[in-house]
C-alpha atoms as a PDB file:
ATOM      1  CA  MET A   1    -139.113-155.286 -49.299  1.00  0.00           C
ATOM      2  CA  LYS A   2    -142.759-154.596 -50.106  1.00  0.00           C
ATOM      3  CA  ILE A   3    -144.315-151.280 -51.082  1.00  0.00           C
ATOM      4  CA  GLU A   4    -146.581-150.040 -48.313  1.00  0.00           C
ATOM      5  CA  HIS A   5    -147.808-146.722 -49.704  1.00  0.00           C
ATOM      6  CA  ILE A   6    -147.334-143.946 -52.203  1.00  0.00           C
ATOM      7  CA  ALA A   7    -148.102-140.400 -51.080  1.00  0.00           C
ATOM      8  CA  TYR A   8    -149.381-137.286 -52.813  1.00  0.00           C
ATOM      9  CA  MET A   9    -149.390-133.848 -51.206  1.00  0.00           C
ATOM     10  CA  VAL A  10    -152.600-132.241 -52.474  1.00  0.00           C
ATOM     11  CA  ALA A  11    -154.524-128.995 -52.037  1.00  0.00           C
ATOM     12  CA  ASP A  12    -157.830-130.536 -50.897  1.00  0.00           C
ATOM     13  CA  PRO A  13    -157.201-133.956 -49.344  1.00  0.00           C
ATOM     14  CA  GLN A  14    -160.617-134.242 -47.689  1.00  0.00           C
ATOM     15  CA  ALA A  15    -162.521-133.781 -50.955  1.00  0.00           C
ATOM     16  CA  MET A  16    -160.110-136.004 -52.877  1.00  0.00           C
ATOM     17  CA  VAL A  17    -160.443-138.782 -50.310  1.00  0.00           C
ATOM     18  CA  GLN A  18    -164.222-138.747 -50.633  1.00  0.00           C
ATOM     19  CA  TRP A  19    -164.023-138.798 -54.454  1.00  0.00           C
ATOM     20  CA  TYR A  20    -161.474-141.628 -54.483  1.00  0.00           C
ATOM     21  CA  VAL A  21    -163.581-143.680 -52.072  1.00  0.00           C
ATOM     22  CA  ARG A  22    -166.830-143.059 -53.940  1.00  0.00           C
ATOM     23  CA  HIS A  23    -165.592-143.357 -57.511  1.00  0.00           C
ATOM     24  CA  LEU A  24    -162.433-145.480 -57.413  1.00  0.00           C
ATOM     25  CA  GLY A  25    -163.565-147.945 -54.763  1.00  0.00           C
ATOM     26  CA  LEU A  26    -160.706-147.253 -52.354  1.00  0.00           C
ATOM     27  CA  THR A  27    -161.294-147.638 -48.632  1.00  0.00           C
ATOM     28  CA  ILE A  28    -160.037-145.469 -45.786  1.00  0.00           C
ATOM     29  CA  LYS A  29    -157.680-147.376 -43.509  1.00  0.00           C
ATOM     30  CA  ARG A  30    -156.594-144.383 -41.449  1.00  0.00           C
ATOM     31  CA  GLY A  31    -157.542-140.729 -41.574  1.00  0.00           C
ATOM     32  CA  SER A  32    -157.257-137.475 -39.689  1.00  0.00           C
ATOM     33  CA  ASP A  33    -159.687-134.577 -39.383  1.00  0.00           C
ATOM     34  CA  LYS A  34    -156.850-132.232 -38.404  1.00  0.00           C
ATOM     35  CA  PRO A  35    -154.258-130.615 -40.717  1.00  0.00           C
ATOM     36  CA  PRO A  36    -152.624-131.923 -42.813  1.00  0.00           C
ATOM     37  CA  PHE A  37    -155.721-134.192 -43.111  1.00  0.00           C
ATOM     38  CA  GLY A  38    -153.641-137.246 -44.000  1.00  0.00           C
ATOM     39  CA  HIS A  39    -155.572-140.295 -45.141  1.00  0.00           C
ATOM     40  CA  PHE A  40    -154.365-143.749 -46.113  1.00  0.00           C
ATOM     41  CA  LEU A  41    -156.562-145.423 -48.725  1.00  0.00           C
ATOM     42  CA  ALA A  42    -156.395-149.111 -49.627  1.00  0.00           C
ATOM     43  CA  ASP A  43    -157.033-150.585 -53.043  1.00  0.00           C
ATOM     44  CA  ALA A  44    -159.495-153.442 -53.558  1.00  0.00           C
ATOM     45  CA  GLY A  45    -156.764-156.026 -53.070  1.00  0.00           C
ATOM     46  CA  GLY A  46    -155.548-154.437 -49.851  1.00  0.00           C
ATOM     47  CA  ALA A  47    -151.959-154.715 -51.054  1.00  0.00           C
ATOM     48  CA  VAL A  48    -150.956-151.058 -51.480  1.00  0.00           C
ATOM     49  CA  LEU A  49    -151.955-147.848 -49.730  1.00  0.00           C
ATOM     50  CA  LEU A  50    -152.346-144.413 -51.256  1.00  0.00           C
ATOM     51  CA  GLU A  51    -151.738-141.498 -48.893  1.00  0.00           C
ATOM     52  CA  LEU A  52    -153.383-138.146 -49.610  1.00  0.00           C
ATOM     53  CA  TYR A  53    -152.455-135.241 -47.356  1.00  0.00           C
ATOM     54  CA  GLY A  54    -152.398-131.454 -47.398  1.00  0.00           C
ATOM     55  CA  GLY A  55    -149.439-129.163 -47.388  1.00  0.00           C
ATOM     56  CA  PRO A  56    -148.504-125.515 -47.193  1.00  0.00           C
ATOM     57  CA  ASP A  57    -149.415-123.166 -50.035  1.00  0.00           C
ATOM     58  CA  GLY A  58    -146.671-123.060 -52.624  1.00  0.00           C
ATOM     59  CA  LYS A  59    -145.501-126.586 -51.824  1.00  0.00           C
ATOM     60  CA  ILE A  60    -148.315-128.476 -53.580  1.00  0.00           C
ATOM     61  CA  PRO A  61    -147.094-129.787 -56.950  1.00  0.00           C
ATOM     62  CA  ASN A  62    -148.876-128.407 -59.994  1.00  0.00           C
ATOM     63  CA  TYR A  63    -150.243-131.812 -61.018  1.00  0.00           C
ATOM     64  CA  PRO A  64    -152.131-130.554 -64.098  1.00  0.00           C
ATOM     65  CA  ALA A  65    -148.827-129.242 -65.497  1.00  0.00           C
ATOM     66  CA  ILE A  66    -147.003-132.575 -65.051  1.00  0.00           C
ATOM     67  CA  ASP A  67    -146.984-134.831 -68.115  1.00  0.00           C
ATOM     68  CA  PRO A  68    -149.186-137.830 -67.230  1.00  0.00           C
ATOM     69  CA  ALA A  69    -146.506-140.155 -68.617  1.00  0.00           C
ATOM     70  CA  ALA A  70    -144.139-138.781 -65.959  1.00  0.00           C
ATOM     71  CA  LEU A  71    -146.524-139.166 -63.003  1.00  0.00           C
ATOM     72  CA  HIS A  72    -149.802-141.032 -62.760  1.00  0.00           C
ATOM     73  CA  LEU A  73    -151.752-143.381 -60.526  1.00  0.00           C
ATOM     74  CA  ALA A  74    -152.602-146.582 -62.436  1.00  0.00           C
ATOM     75  CA  LEU A  75    -155.665-148.639 -61.547  1.00  0.00           C
ATOM     76  CA  VAL A  76    -156.863-151.940 -62.965  1.00  0.00           C
ATOM     77  CA  SER A  77    -160.219-151.806 -64.732  1.00  0.00           C
ATOM     78  CA  ALA A  78    -162.397-154.758 -65.714  1.00  0.00           C
ATOM     79  CA  ASP A  79    -164.313-152.608 -68.230  1.00  0.00           C
ATOM     80  CA  LEU A  80    -162.200-149.712 -69.482  1.00  0.00           C
ATOM     81  CA  GLY A  81    -164.864-147.958 -71.551  1.00  0.00           C
ATOM     82  CA  ARG A  82    -167.506-148.130 -68.834  1.00  0.00           C
ATOM     83  CA  ASP A  83    -165.098-146.944 -66.125  1.00  0.00           C
ATOM     84  CA  CYS A  84    -163.892-144.024 -68.262  1.00  0.00           C
ATOM     85  CA  ARG A  85    -167.446-142.870 -68.926  1.00  0.00           C
ATOM     86  CA  ARG A  86    -168.395-143.268 -65.252  1.00  0.00           C
ATOM     87  CA  LEU A  87    -165.377-141.303 -63.994  1.00  0.00           C
ATOM     88  CA  ILE A  88    -165.815-138.543 -66.572  1.00  0.00           C
ATOM     89  CA  SER A  89    -169.451-138.233 -65.438  1.00  0.00           C
ATOM     90  CA  ALA A  90    -168.106-137.882 -61.878  1.00  0.00           C
ATOM     91  CA  GLY A  91    -165.812-134.971 -62.788  1.00  0.00           C
ATOM     92  CA  ALA A  92    -162.670-136.554 -64.247  1.00  0.00           C
ATOM     93  CA  SER A  93    -161.400-135.336 -67.619  1.00  0.00           C
ATOM     94  CA  GLU A  94    -160.111-137.424 -70.505  1.00  0.00           C
ATOM     95  CA  VAL A  95    -156.460-137.053 -71.481  1.00  0.00           C
ATOM     96  CA  GLU A  96    -156.194-140.094 -73.771  1.00  0.00           C
ATOM     97  CA  PRO A  97    -159.193-142.232 -74.745  1.00  0.00           C
ATOM     98  CA  PRO A  98    -159.099-146.007 -74.325  1.00  0.00           C
ATOM     99  CA  ARG A  99    -156.717-147.689 -76.739  1.00  0.00           C
ATOM    100  CA  ALA A 100    -155.428-151.185 -77.293  1.00  0.00           C
ATOM    101  CA  LEU A 101    -151.718-151.953 -77.021  1.00  0.00           C
ATOM    102  CA  PRO A 102    -149.893-154.526 -79.156  1.00  0.00           C
ATOM    103  CA  ASN A 103    -149.557-156.896 -76.152  1.00  0.00           C
ATOM    104  CA  GLY A 104    -153.353-157.125 -75.751  1.00  0.00           C
ATOM    105  CA  ASP A 105    -153.633-154.679 -72.840  1.00  0.00           C
ATOM    106  CA  SER A 106    -155.856-151.591 -73.077  1.00  0.00           C
ATOM    107  CA  VAL A 107    -155.158-148.255 -71.409  1.00  0.00           C
ATOM    108  CA  ALA A 108    -156.760-144.842 -70.957  1.00  0.00           C
ATOM    109  CA  MET A 109    -155.513-141.701 -69.228  1.00  0.00           C
ATOM    110  CA  LEU A 110    -157.748-139.371 -67.244  1.00  0.00           C
ATOM    111  CA  ARG A 111    -157.229-136.568 -64.756  1.00  0.00           C
ATOM    112  CA  ASP A 112    -159.184-136.526 -61.519  1.00  0.00           C
ATOM    113  CA  PRO A 113    -161.121-133.321 -60.720  1.00  0.00           C
ATOM    114  CA  TRP A 114    -157.939-131.858 -59.121  1.00  0.00           C
ATOM    115  CA  GLY A 115    -155.693-132.600 -62.105  1.00  0.00           C
ATOM    116  CA  LEU A 116    -153.845-135.674 -60.865  1.00  0.00           C
ATOM    117  CA  ALA A 117    -153.325-138.142 -63.730  1.00  0.00           C
ATOM    118  CA  VAL A 118    -155.139-141.460 -63.323  1.00  0.00           C
ATOM    119  CA  GLN A 119    -154.429-144.234 -65.790  1.00  0.00           C
ATOM    120  CA  LEU A 120    -156.898-147.086 -66.187  1.00  0.00           C
ATOM    121  CA  VAL A 121    -155.470-150.376 -67.408  1.00  0.00           C
ATOM    122  CA  GLN A 122    -157.240-153.494 -68.565  1.00  0.00           C
ATOM    123  CA  ARG A 123    -154.650-156.255 -68.761  1.00  0.00           C
ATOM    124  CA  ALA A 124    -154.879-159.140 -71.216  1.00  0.00           C
ATOM    125  CA  LYS A 125    -153.061-161.157 -68.551  1.00  0.00           C
ATOM    126  CA  PRO A 126    -152.909-159.839 -64.949  1.00  0.00           C
ATOM    127  CA  MET A 127    -149.434-158.776 -63.891  1.00  0.00           C
ATOM    128  CA  LEU A 128    -150.063-159.177 -60.151  1.00  0.00           C
ATOM    129  CA  GLY A 129    -151.892-161.837 -58.133  1.00  0.00           C
END
């Protein structure tokens, strides 16, 4: 089997979609302008989709309250420091600044403007094609 998509029920899918497209470089593969405003976004490699869609009040997870180690979206970065600064300028907030790991990778943890944890990773050796 192959992963097709991962989905997040969010409070403002239309705004999040625009931010993810503009600042994370994702592209819309399918979207709806009617509730629940579901959108499927593709990464640069076109291998995995991210679905953002709305839901009823009271059902949306409280993403800012969830430990980022427990739930985050990880994206590959070619320049961790530059991407962190750029995303923070665009409304993200820093959770953990860039740091090197013993295996040569570097990681940073941010939250998007809606509180969803976004990890940026710069791999010493790519893990996927």
